[in-house]
Amino acid sequence: MSKRGYAASKKLLTGLIGAPIAHSASPAMHERAAEALGLRGHYQLIEVAGADAAGLAMMLEGVRRLGFAGVNVTFPYKEAVVPLLDELAPAAATMAAVNTVVARDGRLIGHNTDTTGFARAVAPLLASSGNAVAVIGTGGVGKAIAFALASLKVTDLRIFDSEPARAEKLAALLAKHGGARVATSVEDALRGATGLVNGTPVGMLPNRDTPVPPSLLRDNLWVADAVYSPLITPLLAAAQAKGARIMTGRELAIYQAADAFELFTGLAPSTEVMGEAFDEVMAARSSAYHAA
């Protein structure tokens, strides 16, 4: 739909497919951004655990037919949705992972705003550090993070996954984009690294584990986490304790949402408004947690 179409209809239906997603700050960010632009937005959480290809196809058919401008896609379906879409944007096709599906004229088009969002978020850290970065996890978000780092000309990219075949597959995809070395262990990935990114869901509540042993962290390392629930994950808390610079999942969450909103509507949202909505959700969640 054109910008004029959205302005005329004043209605915007979007959503999120994934599981678990009850913690998501996306509804608040998207609905607040819509309101600031004079739209009446509704962002629907579509939480279905363990969906197979047929189940995902059924959900996507609903997106196609029920008036959605599009949906975001999160864990564990960022790769599984790829063959079910009508078209992929070039970047999403290259990495075979999608976090944003735009509905246009009865067609579903896959994009990846995790990549653009993470690139925006991490650029300041890269500007003030060396060029050796370790990425832990090569699933949907890990892929996007690795491609974002490659787009920022990280020349010493190390990737590790508990499933080596998955890491090898990502390395093959990155071969034409600067390349990446598959690490044999987390320790191997971190040896000599100046930056570390967690691209796994480890540490997302209610999980309280860390994908990296604290003994491997050090003060001359920056550490970023894609998880934002909680904002300070066990990994980031351990990194802070070692004196490392950290980046929470806040910026990635806001920037990927802003890029997705613009794809859905053709309108550029206020990242400041989205950030305020995100912070309110996190503050309320923190208060509820400490009151429990």
C-alpha atoms as a PDB file:
ATOM      1  CA  MET A   1       0.000   0.000   0.000  1.00  0.00           C
ATOM      2  CA  SER A   2       1.257   3.497  -0.800  1.00  0.00           C
ATOM      3  CA  LYS A   3       1.988   6.180   1.750  1.00  0.00           C
ATOM      4  CA  ARG A   4      -1.161   7.923   0.612  1.00  0.00           C
ATOM      5  CA  GLY A   5      -3.139   4.695   1.090  1.00  0.00           C
ATOM      6  CA  TYR A   6      -2.056   4.331   4.699  1.00  0.00           C
ATOM      7  CA  ALA A   7      -2.713   7.992   5.405  1.00  0.00           C
ATOM      8  CA  ALA A   8      -6.203   7.598   3.978  1.00  0.00           C
ATOM      9  CA  SER A   9      -7.089   4.337   5.746  1.00  0.00           C
ATOM     10  CA  LYS A  10      -5.523   5.314   9.100  1.00  0.00           C
ATOM     11  CA  LYS A  11      -5.389   1.574   9.908  1.00  0.00           C
ATOM     12  CA  LEU A  12      -2.336  -0.634  10.099  1.00  0.00           C
ATOM     13  CA  LEU A  13      -2.368  -4.342  10.970  1.00  0.00           C
ATOM     14  CA  THR A  14       0.986  -6.016  11.580  1.00  0.00           C
ATOM     15  CA  GLY A  15       2.266  -8.745  13.876  1.00  0.00           C
ATOM     16  CA  LEU A  16       4.897 -11.218  14.980  1.00  0.00           C
ATOM     17  CA  ILE A  17       5.163 -14.986  14.387  1.00  0.00           C
ATOM     18  CA  GLY A  18       7.356 -16.992  16.770  1.00  0.00           C
ATOM     19  CA  ALA A  19       7.587 -18.727  20.143  1.00  0.00           C
ATOM     20  CA  PRO A  20       8.031 -17.763  22.907  1.00  0.00           C
ATOM     21  CA  ILE A  21       7.067 -14.132  22.247  1.00  0.00           C
ATOM     22  CA  ALA A  22       4.921 -13.014  25.205  1.00  0.00           C
ATOM     23  CA  HIS A  23       7.922 -10.911  26.325  1.00  0.00           C
ATOM     24  CA  SER A  24       8.161  -9.022  23.022  1.00  0.00           C
ATOM     25  CA  ALA A  25       8.392  -5.234  23.052  1.00  0.00           C
ATOM     26  CA  SER A  26       7.420  -5.135  19.371  1.00  0.00           C
ATOM     27  CA  PRO A  27       3.694  -4.408  19.883  1.00  0.00           C
ATOM     28  CA  ALA A  28       4.466  -1.307  21.960  1.00  0.00           C
ATOM     29  CA  MET A  29       7.130  -0.051  19.544  1.00  0.00           C
ATOM     30  CA  HIS A  30       5.089  -0.525  16.371  1.00  0.00           C
ATOM     31  CA  GLU A  31       1.797   0.746  17.801  1.00  0.00           C
ATOM     32  CA  ARG A  32       3.438   3.843  19.321  1.00  0.00           C
ATOM     33  CA  ALA A  33       5.244   4.578  16.047  1.00  0.00           C
ATOM     34  CA  ALA A  34       1.961   4.268  14.145  1.00  0.00           C
ATOM     35  CA  GLU A  35       0.188   6.580  16.570  1.00  0.00           C
ATOM     36  CA  ALA A  36       2.913   9.215  16.161  1.00  0.00           C
ATOM     37  CA  LEU A  37       2.295   9.134  12.406  1.00  0.00           C
ATOM     38  CA  GLY A  38      -1.470   9.487  12.770  1.00  0.00           C
ATOM     39  CA  LEU A  39      -2.232   5.824  12.097  1.00  0.00           C
ATOM     40  CA  ARG A  40      -4.363   3.399  14.102  1.00  0.00           C
ATOM     41  CA  GLY A  41      -1.995   0.465  14.410  1.00  0.00           C
ATOM     42  CA  HIS A  42      -2.515  -2.982  15.873  1.00  0.00           C
ATOM     43  CA  TYR A  43       0.416  -5.389  16.261  1.00  0.00           C
ATOM     44  CA  GLN A  44      -0.740  -8.961  16.858  1.00  0.00           C
ATOM     45  CA  LEU A  45       1.403 -11.564  18.618  1.00  0.00           C
ATOM     46  CA  ILE A  46       0.998 -14.907  16.812  1.00  0.00           C
ATOM     47  CA  GLU A  47       2.612 -17.378  19.194  1.00  0.00           C
ATOM     48  CA  VAL A  48       2.593 -20.969  17.948  1.00  0.00           C
ATOM     49  CA  ALA A  49       5.259 -23.344  19.250  1.00  0.00           C
ATOM     50  CA  GLY A  50       6.473 -26.307  17.227  1.00  0.00           C
ATOM     51  CA  ALA A  51       4.794 -25.360  13.951  1.00  0.00           C
ATOM     52  CA  ASP A  52       5.781 -27.476  10.954  1.00  0.00           C
ATOM     53  CA  ALA A  53       5.889 -26.239   7.360  1.00  0.00           C
ATOM     54  CA  ALA A  54       2.157 -26.797   6.916  1.00  0.00           C
ATOM     55  CA  GLY A  55       1.357 -24.874  10.089  1.00  0.00           C
ATOM     56  CA  LEU A  56       3.608 -21.978   9.090  1.00  0.00           C
ATOM     57  CA  ALA A  57       2.073 -21.925   5.618  1.00  0.00           C
ATOM     58  CA  MET A  58      -1.379 -21.678   7.209  1.00  0.00           C
ATOM     59  CA  MET A  59      -0.308 -18.698   9.344  1.00  0.00           C
ATOM     60  CA  LEU A  60       1.231 -16.972   6.342  1.00  0.00           C
ATOM     61  CA  GLU A  61      -1.914 -17.539   4.319  1.00  0.00           C
ATOM     62  CA  GLY A  62      -3.781 -15.695   7.070  1.00  0.00           C
ATOM     63  CA  VAL A  63      -1.327 -12.808   6.737  1.00  0.00           C
ATOM     64  CA  ARG A  64      -1.949 -12.794   3.002  1.00  0.00           C
ATOM     65  CA  ARG A  65      -5.750 -12.789   3.286  1.00  0.00           C
ATOM     66  CA  LEU A  66      -6.638 -10.926   6.488  1.00  0.00           C
ATOM     67  CA  GLY A  67      -5.434  -7.418   5.691  1.00  0.00           C
ATOM     68  CA  PHE A  68      -1.990  -7.497   7.265  1.00  0.00           C
ATOM     69  CA  ALA A  69       0.563  -5.028   5.948  1.00  0.00           C
ATOM     70  CA  GLY A  70       3.079  -7.648   7.023  1.00  0.00           C
ATOM     71  CA  VAL A  71       4.543  -9.522   9.968  1.00  0.00           C
ATOM     72  CA  ASN A  72       7.839  -9.941  11.693  1.00  0.00           C
ATOM     73  CA  VAL A  73       9.212 -13.441  12.202  1.00  0.00           C
ATOM     74  CA  THR A  74      11.372 -14.502  15.124  1.00  0.00           C
ATOM     75  CA  PHE A  75      12.825 -17.622  16.738  1.00  0.00           C
ATOM     76  CA  PRO A  76      12.477 -20.418  15.719  1.00  0.00           C
ATOM     77  CA  TYR A  77      11.025 -19.662  12.265  1.00  0.00           C
ATOM     78  CA  LYS A  78      13.391 -17.189  10.569  1.00  0.00           C
ATOM     79  CA  GLU A  79      14.791 -19.850   8.260  1.00  0.00           C
ATOM     80  CA  ALA A  80      11.744 -22.098   8.061  1.00  0.00           C
ATOM     81  CA  VAL A  81       9.576 -19.392   6.438  1.00  0.00           C
ATOM     82  CA  VAL A  82      11.969 -18.797   3.549  1.00  0.00           C
ATOM     83  CA  PRO A  83      10.648 -21.475   1.140  1.00  0.00           C
ATOM     84  CA  LEU A  84       7.046 -20.510   1.926  1.00  0.00           C
ATOM     85  CA  LEU A  85       7.277 -16.939   0.596  1.00  0.00           C
ATOM     86  CA  ASP A  86       6.524 -15.661  -2.894  1.00  0.00           C
ATOM     87  CA  GLU A  87       9.642 -13.521  -3.162  1.00  0.00           C
ATOM     88  CA  LEU A  88      12.792 -12.630  -1.243  1.00  0.00           C
ATOM     89  CA  ALA A  89      14.668  -9.342  -1.159  1.00  0.00           C
ATOM     90  CA  PRO A  90      18.244  -9.895  -2.385  1.00  0.00           C
ATOM     91  CA  ALA A  91      19.850  -9.714   1.075  1.00  0.00           C
ATOM     92  CA  ALA A  92      17.334 -12.132   2.591  1.00  0.00           C
ATOM     93  CA  ALA A  93      17.839 -14.519  -0.323  1.00  0.00           C
ATOM     94  CA  THR A  94      21.615 -14.427   0.138  1.00  0.00           C
ATOM     95  CA  MET A  95      21.463 -15.406   3.806  1.00  0.00           C
ATOM     96  CA  ALA A  96      18.325 -17.580   3.580  1.00  0.00           C
ATOM     97  CA  ALA A  97      16.827 -15.977   6.695  1.00  0.00           C
ATOM     98  CA  VAL A  98      13.853 -13.640   7.067  1.00  0.00           C
ATOM     99  CA  ASN A  99      12.603 -11.575   9.989  1.00  0.00           C
ATOM    100  CA  THR A 100      10.160  -9.337   8.095  1.00  0.00           C
ATOM    101  CA  VAL A 101       7.434 -10.404   5.660  1.00  0.00           C
ATOM    102  CA  VAL A 102       5.704  -7.661   3.689  1.00  0.00           C
ATOM    103  CA  ALA A 103       2.248  -8.326   2.190  1.00  0.00           C
ATOM    104  CA  ARG A 104       1.796  -6.585  -1.168  1.00  0.00           C
ATOM    105  CA  ASP A 105      -0.980  -7.237  -3.681  1.00  0.00           C
ATOM    106  CA  GLY A 106      -1.534 -10.765  -2.452  1.00  0.00           C
ATOM    107  CA  ARG A 107       2.169 -11.623  -2.416  1.00  0.00           C
ATOM    108  CA  LEU A 108       4.448 -12.203   0.562  1.00  0.00           C
ATOM    109  CA  ILE A 109       7.958 -10.742   0.282  1.00  0.00           C
ATOM    110  CA  GLY A 110      10.713 -11.628   2.736  1.00  0.00           C
ATOM    111  CA  HIS A 111      13.282  -9.148   4.067  1.00  0.00           C
ATOM    112  CA  ASN A 112      15.848  -9.135   6.870  1.00  0.00           C
ATOM    113  CA  THR A 113      15.978  -6.022   9.036  1.00  0.00           C
ATOM    114  CA  ASP A 114      18.034  -7.794  11.727  1.00  0.00           C
ATOM    115  CA  THR A 115      20.971  -7.201   9.381  1.00  0.00           C
ATOM    116  CA  THR A 116      20.328  -3.509   8.763  1.00  0.00           C
ATOM    117  CA  GLY A 117      19.339  -2.957  12.398  1.00  0.00           C
ATOM    118  CA  PHE A 118      22.421  -4.636  13.849  1.00  0.00           C
ATOM    119  CA  ALA A 119      24.701  -2.801  11.427  1.00  0.00           C
ATOM    120  CA  ARG A 120      23.315   0.519  12.677  1.00  0.00           C
ATOM    121  CA  ALA A 121      23.640  -0.551  16.303  1.00  0.00           C
ATOM    122  CA  VAL A 122      27.166  -1.984  16.259  1.00  0.00           C
ATOM    123  CA  ALA A 123      28.897   0.559  13.993  1.00  0.00           C
ATOM    124  CA  PRO A 124      30.068   2.804  16.892  1.00  0.00           C
ATOM    125  CA  LEU A 125      31.719  -0.152  18.667  1.00  0.00           C
ATOM    126  CA  LEU A 126      33.539  -1.245  15.526  1.00  0.00           C
ATOM    127  CA  ALA A 127      34.773   2.290  14.896  1.00  0.00           C
ATOM    128  CA  SER A 128      36.729   2.271  18.149  1.00  0.00           C
ATOM    129  CA  SER A 129      38.089  -1.287  18.217  1.00  0.00           C
ATOM    130  CA  GLY A 130      39.975  -3.871  16.197  1.00  0.00           C
ATOM    131  CA  ASN A 131      38.516  -5.897  13.380  1.00  0.00           C
ATOM    132  CA  ALA A 132      38.337  -9.398  14.893  1.00  0.00           C
ATOM    133  CA  VAL A 133      34.796 -10.343  15.935  1.00  0.00           C
ATOM    134  CA  ALA A 134      33.405 -13.640  17.213  1.00  0.00           C
ATOM    135  CA  VAL A 135      29.755 -14.536  16.607  1.00  0.00           C
ATOM    136  CA  ILE A 136      28.258 -17.312  18.704  1.00  0.00           C
ATOM    137  CA  GLY A 137      25.264 -18.969  17.037  1.00  0.00           C
ATOM    138  CA  THR A 138      24.563 -19.223  13.317  1.00  0.00           C
ATOM    139  CA  GLY A 139      20.791 -19.595  13.262  1.00  0.00           C
ATOM    140  CA  GLY A 140      18.427 -16.916  11.962  1.00  0.00           C
ATOM    141  CA  VAL A 141      19.672 -13.969  14.018  1.00  0.00           C
ATOM    142  CA  GLY A 142      23.280 -15.175  14.024  1.00  0.00           C
ATOM    143  CA  LYS A 143      23.235 -15.223  10.221  1.00  0.00           C
ATOM    144  CA  ALA A 144      21.910 -11.676  10.106  1.00  0.00           C
ATOM    145  CA  ILE A 145      24.547 -10.474  12.573  1.00  0.00           C
ATOM    146  CA  ALA A 146      27.353 -12.110  10.596  1.00  0.00           C
ATOM    147  CA  PHE A 147      26.162 -10.509   7.353  1.00  0.00           C
ATOM    148  CA  ALA A 148      25.849  -7.142   9.107  1.00  0.00           C
ATOM    149  CA  LEU A 149      29.448  -7.388  10.317  1.00  0.00           C
ATOM    150  CA  ALA A 150      30.589  -8.389   6.825  1.00  0.00           C
ATOM    151  CA  SER A 151      28.790  -5.343   5.407  1.00  0.00           C
ATOM    152  CA  LEU A 152      30.781  -3.201   7.837  1.00  0.00           C
ATOM    153  CA  LYS A 153      34.031  -4.653   6.451  1.00  0.00           C
ATOM    154  CA  VAL A 154      34.944  -6.868   9.412  1.00  0.00           C
ATOM    155  CA  THR A 155      37.792  -8.840   7.875  1.00  0.00           C
ATOM    156  CA  ASP A 156      38.466 -11.274  10.739  1.00  0.00           C
ATOM    157  CA  LEU A 157      35.062 -12.817  11.414  1.00  0.00           C
ATOM    158  CA  ARG A 158      34.920 -15.988  13.477  1.00  0.00           C
ATOM    159  CA  ILE A 159      31.695 -17.972  13.794  1.00  0.00           C
ATOM    160  CA  PHE A 160      30.844 -20.815  16.152  1.00  0.00           C
ATOM    161  CA  ASP A 161      27.793 -23.007  16.495  1.00  0.00           C
ATOM    162  CA  SER A 162      27.141 -26.099  18.593  1.00  0.00           C
ATOM    163  CA  GLU A 163      26.084 -27.670  15.289  1.00  0.00           C
ATOM    164  CA  PRO A 164      29.263 -27.385  13.165  1.00  0.00           C
ATOM    165  CA  ALA A 165      27.446 -28.152   9.904  1.00  0.00           C
ATOM    166  CA  ARG A 166      25.292 -25.063  10.383  1.00  0.00           C
ATOM    167  CA  ALA A 167      28.360 -22.874  10.900  1.00  0.00           C
ATOM    168  CA  GLU A 168      29.995 -24.362   7.793  1.00  0.00           C
ATOM    169  CA  LYS A 169      26.874 -23.568   5.787  1.00  0.00           C
ATOM    170  CA  LEU A 170      26.970 -19.925   6.920  1.00  0.00           C
ATOM    171  CA  ALA A 171      30.677 -19.693   6.114  1.00  0.00           C
ATOM    172  CA  ALA A 172      29.890 -20.847   2.575  1.00  0.00           C
ATOM    173  CA  LEU A 173      27.212 -18.141   2.260  1.00  0.00           C
ATOM    174  CA  LEU A 174      29.696 -15.518   3.487  1.00  0.00           C
ATOM    175  CA  ALA A 175      32.442 -16.586   1.085  1.00  0.00           C
ATOM    176  CA  LYS A 176      31.490 -13.883  -1.430  1.00  0.00           C
ATOM    177  CA  HIS A 177      31.043 -11.245   1.295  1.00  0.00           C
ATOM    178  CA  GLY A 178      34.433 -11.113   2.965  1.00  0.00           C
ATOM    179  CA  GLY A 179      34.408 -14.636   4.364  1.00  0.00           C
ATOM    180  CA  ALA A 180      34.412 -16.084   7.861  1.00  0.00           C
ATOM    181  CA  ARG A 181      36.380 -18.702   9.747  1.00  0.00           C
ATOM    182  CA  VAL A 182      34.500 -21.528  11.444  1.00  0.00           C
ATOM    183  CA  ALA A 183      35.809 -21.833  14.991  1.00  0.00           C
ATOM    184  CA  THR A 184      36.111 -25.233  16.621  1.00  0.00           C
ATOM    185  CA  SER A 185      35.001 -23.932  20.034  1.00  0.00           C
ATOM    186  CA  VAL A 186      33.925 -20.781  21.827  1.00  0.00           C
ATOM    187  CA  GLU A 187      37.462 -20.476  23.161  1.00  0.00           C
ATOM    188  CA  ASP A 188      38.862 -20.732  19.630  1.00  0.00           C
ATOM    189  CA  ALA A 189      36.435 -18.067  18.389  1.00  0.00           C
ATOM    190  CA  LEU A 190      37.476 -15.651  21.139  1.00  0.00           C
ATOM    191  CA  ARG A 191      41.233 -16.106  20.847  1.00  0.00           C
ATOM    192  CA  GLY A 192      42.548 -12.665  19.879  1.00  0.00           C
ATOM    193  CA  ALA A 193      39.049 -11.264  19.249  1.00  0.00           C
ATOM    194  CA  THR A 194      38.220  -7.634  19.973  1.00  0.00           C
ATOM    195  CA  GLY A 195      34.445  -8.118  19.849  1.00  0.00           C
ATOM    196  CA  LEU A 196      31.907 -10.816  20.730  1.00  0.00           C
ATOM    197  CA  VAL A 197      28.247 -11.140  19.755  1.00  0.00           C
ATOM    198  CA  ASN A 198      25.739 -13.622  21.130  1.00  0.00           C
ATOM    199  CA  GLY A 199      23.377 -14.596  18.312  1.00  0.00           C
ATOM    200  CA  THR A 200      21.710 -17.423  20.244  1.00  0.00           C
ATOM    201  CA  PRO A 201      18.608 -17.336  22.487  1.00  0.00           C
ATOM    202  CA  VAL A 202      20.722 -18.493  25.445  1.00  0.00           C
ATOM    203  CA  GLY A 203      20.113 -16.104  28.325  1.00  0.00           C
ATOM    204  CA  MET A 204      16.583 -15.146  27.278  1.00  0.00           C
ATOM    205  CA  LEU A 205      14.203 -15.396  30.228  1.00  0.00           C
ATOM    206  CA  PRO A 206      13.377 -17.788  31.774  1.00  0.00           C
ATOM    207  CA  ASN A 207      16.783 -19.189  30.711  1.00  0.00           C
ATOM    208  CA  ARG A 208      19.619 -17.875  32.875  1.00  0.00           C
ATOM    209  CA  ASP A 209      22.560 -19.552  31.162  1.00  0.00           C
ATOM    210  CA  THR A 210      25.375 -17.912  29.213  1.00  0.00           C
ATOM    211  CA  PRO A 211      26.752 -19.056  25.833  1.00  0.00           C
ATOM    212  CA  VAL A 212      30.294 -18.038  26.852  1.00  0.00           C
ATOM    213  CA  PRO A 213      32.092 -19.094  30.056  1.00  0.00           C
ATOM    214  CA  PRO A 214      32.878 -15.958  32.087  1.00  0.00           C
ATOM    215  CA  SER A 215      36.512 -17.070  32.338  1.00  0.00           C
ATOM    216  CA  LEU A 216      36.919 -16.310  28.606  1.00  0.00           C
ATOM    217  CA  LEU A 217      35.791 -12.686  28.949  1.00  0.00           C
ATOM    218  CA  ARG A 218      38.262  -9.828  29.426  1.00  0.00           C
ATOM    219  CA  ASP A 219      38.372  -6.057  29.737  1.00  0.00           C
ATOM    220  CA  ASN A 220      39.758  -5.375  26.226  1.00  0.00           C
ATOM    221  CA  LEU A 221      36.723  -6.981  24.594  1.00  0.00           C
ATOM    222  CA  TRP A 222      33.374  -5.467  23.646  1.00  0.00           C
ATOM    223  CA  VAL A 223      30.391  -7.784  24.098  1.00  0.00           C
ATOM    224  CA  ALA A 224      26.966  -7.493  22.440  1.00  0.00           C
ATOM    225  CA  ASP A 225      23.873  -9.618  22.965  1.00  0.00           C
ATOM    226  CA  ALA A 226      20.897  -9.937  20.621  1.00  0.00           C
ATOM    227  CA  VAL A 227      18.734 -11.015  23.586  1.00  0.00           C
ATOM    228  CA  TYR A 228      16.910  -8.142  25.308  1.00  0.00           C
ATOM    229  CA  SER A 229      14.770  -9.981  27.849  1.00  0.00           C
ATOM    230  CA  PRO A 230      16.433  -9.376  30.269  1.00  0.00           C
ATOM    231  CA  LEU A 231      18.298  -6.302  29.064  1.00  0.00           C
ATOM    232  CA  ILE A 232      21.387  -7.284  31.061  1.00  0.00           C
ATOM    233  CA  THR A 233      21.754 -10.958  30.267  1.00  0.00           C
ATOM    234  CA  PRO A 234      24.007 -13.285  32.281  1.00  0.00           C
ATOM    235  CA  LEU A 235      26.603 -12.886  29.495  1.00  0.00           C
ATOM    236  CA  LEU A 236      26.511  -9.082  29.677  1.00  0.00           C
ATOM    237  CA  ALA A 237      26.602  -9.097  33.492  1.00  0.00           C
ATOM    238  CA  ALA A 238      29.712 -11.293  33.410  1.00  0.00           C
ATOM    239  CA  ALA A 239      31.286  -9.032  30.756  1.00  0.00           C
ATOM    240  CA  GLN A 240      30.612  -5.931  32.839  1.00  0.00           C
ATOM    241  CA  ALA A 241      32.210  -7.611  35.837  1.00  0.00           C
ATOM    242  CA  LYS A 242      35.373  -8.109  33.765  1.00  0.00           C
ATOM    243  CA  GLY A 243      35.394  -4.451  32.706  1.00  0.00           C
ATOM    244  CA  ALA A 244      34.349  -5.076  29.106  1.00  0.00           C
ATOM    245  CA  ARG A 245      32.253  -2.609  27.134  1.00  0.00           C
ATOM    246  CA  ILE A 246      28.780  -3.990  26.453  1.00  0.00           C
ATOM    247  CA  MET A 247      25.891  -3.422  24.066  1.00  0.00           C
ATOM    248  CA  THR A 248      22.471  -4.683  25.096  1.00  0.00           C
ATOM    249  CA  GLY A 249      19.831  -5.896  22.666  1.00  0.00           C
ATOM    250  CA  ARG A 250      18.020  -2.541  22.922  1.00  0.00           C
ATOM    251  CA  GLU A 251      19.481  -0.882  19.832  1.00  0.00           C
ATOM    252  CA  LEU A 252      19.052  -3.968  17.641  1.00  0.00           C
ATOM    253  CA  ALA A 253      15.435  -4.302  18.785  1.00  0.00           C
ATOM    254  CA  ILE A 254      14.655  -0.655  17.999  1.00  0.00           C
ATOM    255  CA  TYR A 255      16.486  -0.360  14.685  1.00  0.00           C
ATOM    256  CA  GLN A 256      15.224  -3.631  13.233  1.00  0.00           C
ATOM    257  CA  ALA A 257      11.682  -2.625  14.232  1.00  0.00           C
ATOM    258  CA  ALA A 258      12.055   0.802  12.627  1.00  0.00           C
ATOM    259  CA  ASP A 259      13.339  -0.702   9.380  1.00  0.00           C
ATOM    260  CA  ALA A 260      10.491  -3.237   9.371  1.00  0.00           C
ATOM    261  CA  PHE A 261       7.887  -0.519  10.018  1.00  0.00           C
ATOM    262  CA  GLU A 262       9.173   1.437   7.037  1.00  0.00           C
ATOM    263  CA  LEU A 263       8.942  -1.666   4.848  1.00  0.00           C
ATOM    264  CA  PHE A 264       5.363  -2.287   6.013  1.00  0.00           C
ATOM    265  CA  THR A 265       4.172   1.271   5.424  1.00  0.00           C
ATOM    266  CA  GLY A 266       6.602   3.272   3.304  1.00  0.00           C
ATOM    267  CA  LEU A 267       6.764   5.711   6.231  1.00  0.00           C
ATOM    268  CA  ALA A 268       9.882   6.367   8.312  1.00  0.00           C
ATOM    269  CA  PRO A 269       9.017   6.027  12.017  1.00  0.00           C
ATOM    270  CA  SER A 270      10.649   7.893  14.865  1.00  0.00           C
ATOM    271  CA  THR A 271      13.299   5.706  16.485  1.00  0.00           C
ATOM    272  CA  GLU A 272      13.070   8.028  19.494  1.00  0.00           C
ATOM    273  CA  VAL A 273       9.370   7.219  19.894  1.00  0.00           C
ATOM    274  CA  MET A 274      10.068   3.508  19.423  1.00  0.00           C
ATOM    275  CA  GLY A 275      12.889   3.703  21.961  1.00  0.00           C
ATOM    276  CA  GLU A 276      10.629   5.337  24.545  1.00  0.00           C
ATOM    277  CA  ALA A 277       8.059   2.583  24.046  1.00  0.00           C
ATOM    278  CA  PHE A 278      10.748  -0.086  24.377  1.00  0.00           C
ATOM    279  CA  ASP A 279      12.092   1.473  27.584  1.00  0.00           C
ATOM    280  CA  GLU A 280       8.613   1.640  29.131  1.00  0.00           C
ATOM    281  CA  VAL A 281       8.040  -2.049  28.426  1.00  0.00           C
ATOM    282  CA  MET A 282      11.376  -2.995  29.944  1.00  0.00           C
ATOM    283  CA  ALA A 283      10.825  -0.782  33.015  1.00  0.00           C
ATOM    284  CA  ALA A 284       7.397  -2.315  33.624  1.00  0.00           C
ATOM    285  CA  ARG A 285       8.812  -5.815  33.226  1.00  0.00           C
ATOM    286  CA  SER A 286      11.630  -5.066  35.663  1.00  0.00           C
ATOM    287  CA  SER A 287       9.170  -3.743  38.241  1.00  0.00           C
ATOM    288  CA  ALA A 288       6.968  -6.823  37.886  1.00  0.00           C
ATOM    289  CA  TYR A 289      10.002  -9.117  38.206  1.00  0.00           C
ATOM    290  CA  HIS A 290      11.220  -7.455  41.409  1.00  0.00           C
ATOM    291  CA  ALA A 291       7.718  -7.394  42.872  1.00  0.00           C
ATOM    292  CA  ALA A 292       7.216 -11.126  42.299  1.00  0.00           C
END
